[in-house]
PDB file of all heavy atoms in Angstrom:
ATOM      1  N   ASN A   1     113.450 -23.901 172.640  1.00  0.00           N
ATOM      2  CA  ASN A   1     112.126 -24.509 172.661  1.00  0.00           C
ATOM      3  C   ASN A   1     111.983 -25.367 173.932  1.00  0.00           C
ATOM      4  O   ASN A   1     112.945 -26.024 174.363  1.00  0.00           O
ATOM      5  CB  ASN A   1     111.910 -25.367 171.431  1.00  0.00           C
ATOM      6  CG  ASN A   1     111.875 -24.555 170.148  1.00  0.00           C
ATOM      7  OD1 ASN A   1     111.487 -23.378 170.169  1.00  0.00           O
ATOM      8  ND2 ASN A   1     112.275 -25.152 169.034  1.00  0.00           N
ATOM      9  N   GLU A   2     110.813 -25.350 174.497  1.00  0.00           N
ATOM     10  CA  GLU A   2     110.484 -26.146 175.659  1.00  0.00           C
ATOM     11  C   GLU A   2     111.265 -25.726 176.925  1.00  0.00           C
ATOM     12  O   GLU A   2     111.353 -26.488 177.882  1.00  0.00           O
ATOM     13  CB  GLU A   2     110.676 -27.644 175.402  1.00  0.00           C
ATOM     14  CG  GLU A   2     109.860 -28.171 174.229  1.00  0.00           C
ATOM     15  CD  GLU A   2     110.058 -29.640 173.980  1.00  0.00           C
ATOM     16  OE1 GLU A   2     110.699 -30.326 174.828  1.00  0.00           O
ATOM     17  OE2 GLU A   2     109.573 -30.145 172.943  1.00  0.00           O
ATOM     18  N   ALA A   3     111.811 -24.528 176.905  1.00  0.00           N
ATOM     19  CA  ALA A   3     112.450 -24.034 178.121  1.00  0.00           C
ATOM     20  C   ALA A   3     111.404 -23.745 179.181  1.00  0.00           C
ATOM     21  O   ALA A   3     110.294 -23.291 178.845  1.00  0.00           O
ATOM     22  CB  ALA A   3     113.240 -22.754 177.796  1.00  0.00           C
ATOM     23  N   PRO A   4     111.706 -23.958 180.453  1.00  0.00           N
ATOM     24  CA  PRO A   4     110.724 -23.696 181.504  1.00  0.00           C
ATOM     25  C   PRO A   4     110.525 -22.194 181.731  1.00  0.00           C
ATOM     26  O   PRO A   4     111.300 -21.375 181.236  1.00  0.00           O
ATOM     27  CB  PRO A   4     111.350 -24.378 182.728  1.00  0.00           C
ATOM     28  CG  PRO A   4     112.811 -24.313 182.455  1.00  0.00           C
ATOM     29  CD  PRO A   4     112.977 -24.476 180.983  1.00  0.00           C
ATOM     30  N   ALA A   5     109.524 -21.878 182.532  1.00  0.00           N
ATOM     31  CA  ALA A   5     109.319 -20.474 182.911  1.00  0.00           C
ATOM     32  C   ALA A   5     110.472 -20.000 183.800  1.00  0.00           C
ATOM     33  O   ALA A   5     111.138 -20.795 184.464  1.00  0.00           O
ATOM     34  CB  ALA A   5     107.992 -20.350 183.659  1.00  0.00           C
ATOM     35  N   GLY A   6     110.702 -18.711 183.783  1.00  0.00           N
ATOM     36  CA  GLY A   6     111.714 -18.146 184.666  1.00  0.00           C
ATOM     37  C   GLY A   6     113.108 -18.069 184.117  1.00  0.00           C
ATOM     38  O   GLY A   6     114.060 -17.708 184.836  1.00  0.00           O
ATOM     39  N   VAL A   7     113.305 -18.390 182.825  1.00  0.00           N
ATOM     40  CA  VAL A   7     114.645 -18.350 182.227  1.00  0.00           C
ATOM     41  C   VAL A   7     115.245 -16.953 182.299  1.00  0.00           C
ATOM     42  O   VAL A   7     116.422 -16.758 182.639  1.00  0.00           O
ATOM     43  CB  VAL A   7     114.635 -18.867 180.796  1.00  0.00           C
ATOM     44  CG1 VAL A   7     115.969 -18.637 180.112  1.00  0.00           C
ATOM     45  CG2 VAL A   7     114.330 -20.380 180.767  1.00  0.00           C
ATOM     46  N   ALA A   8     114.448 -15.935 181.953  1.00  0.00           N
ATOM     47  CA  ALA A   8     114.959 -14.574 181.912  1.00  0.00           C
ATOM     48  C   ALA A   8     115.466 -14.149 183.301  1.00  0.00           C
ATOM     49  O   ALA A   8     116.512 -13.516 183.425  1.00  0.00           O
ATOM     50  CB  ALA A   8     113.876 -13.610 181.424  1.00  0.00           C
ATOM     51  N   SER A   9     114.733 -14.485 184.353  1.00  0.00           N
ATOM     52  CA  SER A   9     115.115 -14.119 185.704  1.00  0.00           C
ATOM     53  C   SER A   9     116.432 -14.839 186.116  1.00  0.00           C
ATOM     54  O   SER A   9     117.341 -14.216 186.671  1.00  0.00           O
ATOM     55  CB  SER A   9     114.005 -14.487 186.669  1.00  0.00           C
ATOM     56  OG  SER A   9     114.403 -14.215 188.005  1.00  0.00           O
ATOM     57  N   GLU A  10     116.514 -16.140 185.798  1.00  0.00           N
ATOM     58  CA  GLU A  10     117.724 -16.891 186.127  1.00  0.00           C
ATOM     59  C   GLU A  10     118.917 -16.336 185.363  1.00  0.00           C
ATOM     60  O   GLU A  10     120.016 -16.191 185.918  1.00  0.00           O
ATOM     61  CB  GLU A  10     117.539 -18.372 185.766  1.00  0.00           C
ATOM     62  CG  GLU A  10     116.522 -19.092 186.656  1.00  0.00           C
ATOM     63  CD  GLU A  10     117.157 -19.592 187.925  1.00  0.00           C
ATOM     64  OE1 GLU A  10     118.285 -19.219 188.244  1.00  0.00           O
ATOM     65  OE2 GLU A  10     116.465 -20.357 188.637  1.00  0.00           O
ATOM     66  N   LEU A  11     118.727 -16.006 184.093  1.00  0.00           N
ATOM     67  CA  LEU A  11     119.817 -15.491 183.289  1.00  0.00           C
ATOM     68  C   LEU A  11     120.242 -14.120 183.768  1.00  0.00           C
ATOM     69  O   LEU A  11     121.441 -13.801 183.796  1.00  0.00           O
ATOM     70  CB  LEU A  11     119.396 -15.459 181.808  1.00  0.00           C
ATOM     71  CG  LEU A  11     120.413 -14.940 180.810  1.00  0.00           C
ATOM     72  CD1 LEU A  11     121.720 -15.715 180.902  1.00  0.00           C
ATOM     73  CD2 LEU A  11     119.868 -15.003 179.378  1.00  0.00           C
ATOM     74  N   ALA A  12     119.276 -13.290 184.154  1.00  0.00           N
ATOM     75  CA  ALA A  12     119.637 -11.947 184.664  1.00  0.00           C
ATOM     76  C   ALA A  12     120.509 -12.072 185.899  1.00  0.00           C
ATOM     77  O   ALA A  12     121.537 -11.354 186.029  1.00  0.00           O
ATOM     78  CB  ALA A  12     118.341 -11.202 185.001  1.00  0.00           C
ATOM     79  N   ASP A  13     120.170 -12.965 186.827  1.00  0.00           N
ATOM     80  CA  ASP A  13     120.968 -13.152 188.016  1.00  0.00           C
ATOM     81  C   ASP A  13     122.366 -13.640 187.668  1.00  0.00           C
ATOM     82  O   ASP A  13     123.368 -13.195 188.258  1.00  0.00           O
ATOM     83  CB  ASP A  13     120.302 -14.140 188.960  1.00  0.00           C
ATOM     84  CG  ASP A  13     119.052 -13.576 189.620  1.00  0.00           C
ATOM     85  OD1 ASP A  13     118.850 -12.345 189.589  1.00  0.00           O
ATOM     86  OD2 ASP A  13     118.253 -14.379 190.195  1.00  0.00           O
ATOM     87  N   GLU A  14     122.470 -14.565 186.703  1.00  0.00           N
ATOM     88  CA  GLU A  14     123.773 -15.086 186.312  1.00  0.00           C
ATOM     89  C   GLU A  14     124.623 -14.021 185.656  1.00  0.00           C
ATOM     90  O   GLU A  14     125.823 -13.930 185.879  1.00  0.00           O
ATOM     91  CB  GLU A  14     123.605 -16.315 185.404  1.00  0.00           C
ATOM     92  CG  GLU A  14     124.899 -16.988 185.055  1.00  0.00           C
ATOM     93  CD  GLU A  14     125.652 -17.552 186.268  1.00  0.00           C
ATOM     94  OE1 GLU A  14     125.000 -17.982 187.236  1.00  0.00           O
ATOM     95  OE2 GLU A  14     126.902 -17.551 186.235  1.00  0.00           O
ATOM     96  N   LEU A  15     124.034 -13.203 184.824  1.00  0.00           N
ATOM     97  CA  LEU A  15     124.764 -12.126 184.155  1.00  0.00           C
ATOM     98  C   LEU A  15     125.268 -11.100 185.131  1.00  0.00           C
ATOM     99  O   LEU A  15     126.388 -10.583 184.986  1.00  0.00           O
ATOM    100  CB  LEU A  15     123.905 -11.489 183.078  1.00  0.00           C
ATOM    101  CG  LEU A  15     123.612 -12.375 181.863  1.00  0.00           C
ATOM    102  CD1 LEU A  15     122.515 -11.734 181.013  1.00  0.00           C
ATOM    103  CD2 LEU A  15     124.872 -12.566 181.011  1.00  0.00           C
ATOM    104  N   LYS A  16     124.468 -10.759 186.132  1.00  0.00           N
ATOM    105  CA  LYS A  16     124.929  -9.806 187.162  1.00  0.00           C
ATOM    106  C   LYS A  16     126.098 -10.393 187.946  1.00  0.00           C
ATOM    107  O   LYS A  16     127.037  -9.667 188.282  1.00  0.00           O
ATOM    108  CB  LYS A  16     123.751  -9.456 188.083  1.00  0.00           C
ATOM    109  CG  LYS A  16     122.738  -8.501 187.407  1.00  0.00           C
ATOM    110  CD  LYS A  16     121.642  -8.066 188.372  1.00  0.00           C
ATOM    111  CE  LYS A  16     120.601  -9.141 188.602  1.00  0.00           C
ATOM    112  NZ  LYS A  16     119.411  -8.621 189.370  1.00  0.00           N
ATOM    113  N   LEU A  17     126.042 -11.694 188.242  1.00  0.00           N
ATOM    114  CA  LEU A  17     127.123 -12.351 188.953  1.00  0.00           C
ATOM    115  C   LEU A  17     128.402 -12.336 188.105  1.00  0.00           C
ATOM    116  O   LEU A  17     129.501 -12.015 188.590  1.00  0.00           O
ATOM    117  CB  LEU A  17     126.729 -13.780 189.289  1.00  0.00           C
ATOM    118  CG  LEU A  17     127.702 -14.584 190.142  1.00  0.00           C
ATOM    119  CD1 LEU A  17     127.738 -14.042 191.556  1.00  0.00           C
ATOM    120  CD2 LEU A  17     127.289 -16.080 190.178  1.00  0.00           C
ATOM    121  N   MET A  18     128.271 -12.633 186.804  1.00  0.00           N
ATOM    122  CA  MET A  18     129.412 -12.619 185.910  1.00  0.00           C
ATOM    123  C   MET A  18     130.000 -11.215 185.769  1.00  0.00           C
ATOM    124  O   MET A  18     131.226 -11.047 185.757  1.00  0.00           O
ATOM    125  CB  MET A  18     129.039 -13.166 184.541  1.00  0.00           C
ATOM    126  CG  MET A  18     130.161 -13.105 183.508  1.00  0.00           C
ATOM    127  SD  MET A  18     129.767 -13.832 181.914  1.00  0.00           S
ATOM    128  CE  MET A  18     130.272 -15.533 182.218  1.00  0.00           C
ATOM    129  N   ALA A  19     129.142 -10.225 185.638  1.00  0.00           N
ATOM    130  CA  ALA A  19     129.623  -8.851 185.500  1.00  0.00           C
ATOM    131  C   ALA A  19     130.464  -8.442 186.707  1.00  0.00           C
ATOM    132  O   ALA A  19     131.535  -7.813 186.577  1.00  0.00           O
ATOM    133  CB  ALA A  19     128.452  -7.882 185.323  1.00  0.00           C
ATOM    134  N   ARG A  20     130.011  -8.794 187.902  1.00  0.00           N
ATOM    135  CA  ARG A  20     130.785  -8.460 189.116  1.00  0.00           C
ATOM    136  C   ARG A  20     132.132  -9.171 189.110  1.00  0.00           C
ATOM    137  O   ARG A  20     133.172  -8.591 189.450  1.00  0.00           O
ATOM    138  CB  ARG A  20     130.004  -8.839 190.385  1.00  0.00           C
ATOM    139  CG  ARG A  20     128.797  -7.942 190.642  1.00  0.00           C
ATOM    140  CD  ARG A  20     128.320  -8.080 192.087  1.00  0.00           C
ATOM    141  NE  ARG A  20     127.795  -9.403 192.378  1.00  0.00           N
ATOM    142  CZ  ARG A  20     126.560  -9.789 192.184  1.00  0.00           C
ATOM    143  NH1 ARG A  20     125.653  -8.920 191.662  1.00  0.00           N
ATOM    144  NH2 ARG A  20     126.168 -11.018 192.471  1.00  0.00           N
ATOM    145  N   TRP A  21     132.142 -10.441 188.689  1.00  0.00           N
ATOM    146  CA  TRP A  21     133.391 -11.199 188.604  1.00  0.00           C
ATOM    147  C   TRP A  21     134.364 -10.551 187.639  1.00  0.00           C
ATOM    148  O   TRP A  21     135.567 -10.506 187.873  1.00  0.00           O
ATOM    149  CB  TRP A  21     133.091 -12.651 188.201  1.00  0.00           C
ATOM    150  CG  TRP A  21     134.297 -13.499 187.985  1.00  0.00           C
ATOM    151  CD1 TRP A  21     135.279 -13.783 188.891  1.00  0.00           C
ATOM    152  CD2 TRP A  21     134.667 -14.144 186.774  1.00  0.00           C
ATOM    153  NE1 TRP A  21     136.228 -14.606 188.332  1.00  0.00           N
ATOM    154  CE2 TRP A  21     135.880 -14.845 187.007  1.00  0.00           C
ATOM    155  CE3 TRP A  21     134.091 -14.242 185.516  1.00  0.00           C
ATOM    156  CZ2 TRP A  21     136.515 -15.589 186.048  1.00  0.00           C
ATOM    157  CZ3 TRP A  21     134.727 -15.026 184.533  1.00  0.00           C
ATOM    158  CH2 TRP A  21     135.924 -15.680 184.821  1.00  0.00           C
ATOM    159  N   LEU A  22     133.855 -10.068 186.514  1.00  0.00           N
ATOM    160  CA  LEU A  22     134.706  -9.448 185.497  1.00  0.00           C
ATOM    161  C   LEU A  22     135.069  -8.005 185.826  1.00  0.00           C
ATOM    162  O   LEU A  22     135.798  -7.358 185.058  1.00  0.00           O
ATOM    163  CB  LEU A  22     133.998  -9.513 184.142  1.00  0.00           C
ATOM    164  CG  LEU A  22     133.773 -10.919 183.547  1.00  0.00           C
ATOM    165  CD1 LEU A  22     132.909 -10.831 182.292  1.00  0.00           C
ATOM    166  CD2 LEU A  22     135.102 -11.585 183.233  1.00  0.00           C
ATOM    167  N   GLY A  23     134.534  -7.478 186.929  1.00  0.00           N
ATOM    168  CA  GLY A  23     134.850  -6.106 187.292  1.00  0.00           C
ATOM    169  C   GLY A  23     134.095  -5.102 186.471  1.00  0.00           C
ATOM    170  O   GLY A  23     134.545  -3.949 186.291  1.00  0.00           O
ATOM    171  N   LEU A  24     132.937  -5.458 185.958  1.00  0.00           N
ATOM    172  CA  LEU A  24     132.122  -4.575 185.090  1.00  0.00           C
ATOM    173  C   LEU A  24     130.943  -4.044 185.903  1.00  0.00           C
ATOM    174  O   LEU A  24     130.372  -4.758 186.729  1.00  0.00           O
ATOM    175  CB  LEU A  24     131.649  -5.310 183.866  1.00  0.00           C
ATOM    176  CG  LEU A  24     132.744  -5.930 182.984  1.00  0.00           C
ATOM    177  CD1 LEU A  24     132.178  -6.781 181.901  1.00  0.00           C
ATOM    178  CD2 LEU A  24     133.649  -4.830 182.396  1.00  0.00           C
ATOM    179  N   GLY A  25     130.566  -2.810 185.642  1.00  0.00           N
ATOM    180  CA  GLY A  25     129.583  -2.155 186.502  1.00  0.00           C
ATOM    181  C   GLY A  25     128.147  -2.487 186.236  1.00  0.00           C
ATOM    182  O   GLY A  25     127.294  -2.401 187.125  1.00  0.00           O
ATOM    183  N   GLU A  26     127.784  -2.849 184.984  1.00  0.00           N
ATOM    184  CA  GLU A  26     126.391  -3.094 184.679  1.00  0.00           C
ATOM    185  C   GLU A  26     126.256  -4.106 183.538  1.00  0.00           C
ATOM    186  O   GLU A  26     127.231  -4.464 182.894  1.00  0.00           O
ATOM    187  CB  GLU A  26     125.708  -1.766 184.269  1.00  0.00           C
ATOM    188  CG  GLU A  26     126.306  -1.145 183.015  1.00  0.00           C
ATOM    189  CD  GLU A  26     125.601   0.163 182.620  1.00  0.00           C
ATOM    190  OE1 GLU A  26     124.695   0.572 183.370  1.00  0.00           O
ATOM    191  OE2 GLU A  26     125.977   0.735 181.608  1.00  0.00           O
ATOM    192  N   VAL A  27     125.021  -4.570 183.355  1.00  0.00           N
ATOM    193  CA  VAL A  27     124.684  -5.446 182.258  1.00  0.00           C
ATOM    194  C   VAL A  27     123.793  -4.674 181.301  1.00  0.00           C
ATOM    195  O   VAL A  27     122.761  -4.112 181.715  1.00  0.00           O
ATOM    196  CB  VAL A  27     123.957  -6.709 182.738  1.00  0.00           C
ATOM    197  CG1 VAL A  27     123.598  -7.613 181.546  1.00  0.00           C
ATOM    198  CG2 VAL A  27     124.823  -7.477 183.746  1.00  0.00           C
ATOM    199  N   THR A  28     124.171  -4.627 180.036  1.00  0.00           N
ATOM    200  CA  THR A  28     123.411  -3.902 179.010  1.00  0.00           C
ATOM    201  C   THR A  28     122.900  -4.868 177.957  1.00  0.00           C
ATOM    202  O   THR A  28     123.683  -5.648 177.400  1.00  0.00           O
ATOM    203  CB  THR A  28     124.275  -2.815 178.328  1.00  0.00           C
ATOM    204  OG1 THR A  28     124.768  -1.916 179.317  1.00  0.00           O
ATOM    205  CG2 THR A  28     123.491  -2.057 177.296  1.00  0.00           C
ATOM    206  N   VAL A  29     121.610  -4.855 177.702  1.00  0.00           N
ATOM    207  CA  VAL A  29     120.985  -5.807 176.751  1.00  0.00           C
ATOM    208  C   VAL A  29     120.591  -5.071 175.502  1.00  0.00           C
ATOM    209  O   VAL A  29     119.862  -4.076 175.527  1.00  0.00           O
ATOM    210  CB  VAL A  29     119.738  -6.466 177.364  1.00  0.00           C
ATOM    211  CG1 VAL A  29     119.127  -7.456 176.394  1.00  0.00           C
ATOM    212  CG2 VAL A  29     120.086  -7.141 178.685  1.00  0.00           C
ATOM    213  N   ARG A  30     121.060  -5.558 174.357  1.00  0.00           N
ATOM    214  CA  ARG A  30     120.670  -5.024 173.092  1.00  0.00           C
ATOM    215  C   ARG A  30     119.432  -5.775 172.546  1.00  0.00           C
ATOM    216  O   ARG A  30     119.267  -6.962 172.828  1.00  0.00           O
ATOM    217  CB  ARG A  30     121.833  -5.084 172.092  1.00  0.00           C
ATOM    218  CG  ARG A  30     122.958  -4.125 172.510  1.00  0.00           C
ATOM    219  CD  ARG A  30     124.159  -4.144 171.590  1.00  0.00           C
ATOM    220  NE  ARG A  30     125.099  -3.124 171.959  1.00  0.00           N
ATOM    221  CZ  ARG A  30     126.318  -3.018 171.497  1.00  0.00           C
ATOM    222  NH1 ARG A  30     126.778  -3.937 170.635  1.00  0.00           N
ATOM    223  NH2 ARG A  30     127.139  -2.052 171.882  1.00  0.00           N
ATOM    224  N   PRO A  31     118.601  -5.101 171.788  1.00  0.00           N
ATOM    225  CA  PRO A  31     117.297  -5.710 171.418  1.00  0.00           C
ATOM    226  C   PRO A  31     117.383  -6.690 170.248  1.00  0.00           C
ATOM    227  O   PRO A  31     116.758  -6.485 169.199  1.00  0.00           O
ATOM    228  CB  PRO A  31     116.466  -4.477 171.030  1.00  0.00           C
ATOM    229  CG  PRO A  31     117.482  -3.491 170.508  1.00  0.00           C
ATOM    230  CD  PRO A  31     118.727  -3.712 171.319  1.00  0.00           C
ATOM    231  N   LYS A  32     118.137  -7.752 170.458  1.00  0.00           N
ATOM    232  CA  LYS A  32     118.234  -8.772 169.425  1.00  0.00           C
ATOM    233  C   LYS A  32     118.030 -10.125 170.062  1.00  0.00           C
ATOM    234  O   LYS A  32     118.679 -10.469 171.063  1.00  0.00           O
ATOM    235  CB  LYS A  32     119.593  -8.712 168.720  1.00  0.00           C
ATOM    236  CG  LYS A  32     119.731  -9.739 167.598  1.00  0.00           C
ATOM    237  CD  LYS A  32     121.084  -9.624 166.899  1.00  0.00           C
ATOM    238  CE  LYS A  32     121.197 -10.638 165.754  1.00  0.00           C
ATOM    239  NZ  LYS A  32     122.517 -10.547 165.073  1.00  0.00           N
ATOM    240  N   GLY A  33     117.151 -10.965 169.479  1.00  0.00           N
ATOM    241  CA  GLY A  33     116.895 -12.294 169.999  1.00  0.00           C
ATOM    242  C   GLY A  33     115.563 -12.344 170.738  1.00  0.00           C
ATOM    243  O   GLY A  33     115.085 -11.374 171.294  1.00  0.00           O
ATOM    244  N   ASP A  34     114.942 -13.552 170.739  1.00  0.00           N
ATOM    245  CA  ASP A  34     113.613 -13.667 171.278  1.00  0.00           C
ATOM    246  C   ASP A  34     113.538 -13.688 172.799  1.00  0.00           C
ATOM    247  O   ASP A  34     112.459 -13.751 173.383  1.00  0.00           O
ATOM    248  CB  ASP A  34     112.923 -14.923 170.716  1.00  0.00           C
ATOM    249  CG  ASP A  34     113.710 -16.189 170.935  1.00  0.00           C
ATOM    250  OD1 ASP A  34     114.698 -16.171 171.720  1.00  0.00           O
ATOM    251  OD2 ASP A  34     113.368 -17.221 170.360  1.00  0.00           O
ATOM    252  N   LEU A  35     114.707 -13.602 173.470  1.00  0.00           N
ATOM    253  CA  LEU A  35     114.743 -13.498 174.924  1.00  0.00           C
ATOM    254  C   LEU A  35     115.140 -12.110 175.400  1.00  0.00           C
ATOM    255  O   LEU A  35     115.084 -11.811 176.587  1.00  0.00           O
ATOM    256  CB  LEU A  35     115.677 -14.568 175.488  1.00  0.00           C
ATOM    257  CG  LEU A  35     115.787 -14.742 176.999  1.00  0.00           C
ATOM    258  CD1 LEU A  35     114.430 -15.044 177.638  1.00  0.00           C
ATOM    259  CD2 LEU A  35     116.808 -15.817 177.349  1.00  0.00           C
TER     260      LEU A  35
END
């Protein structure tokens, strides 16, 4: 609640950075949760 705009974009960038660090090729999102 009360999160600012742009959270999804920031999170997407962070997940891509983490995936590269972990040696994983892609980020896959399952359709659960309001984000």
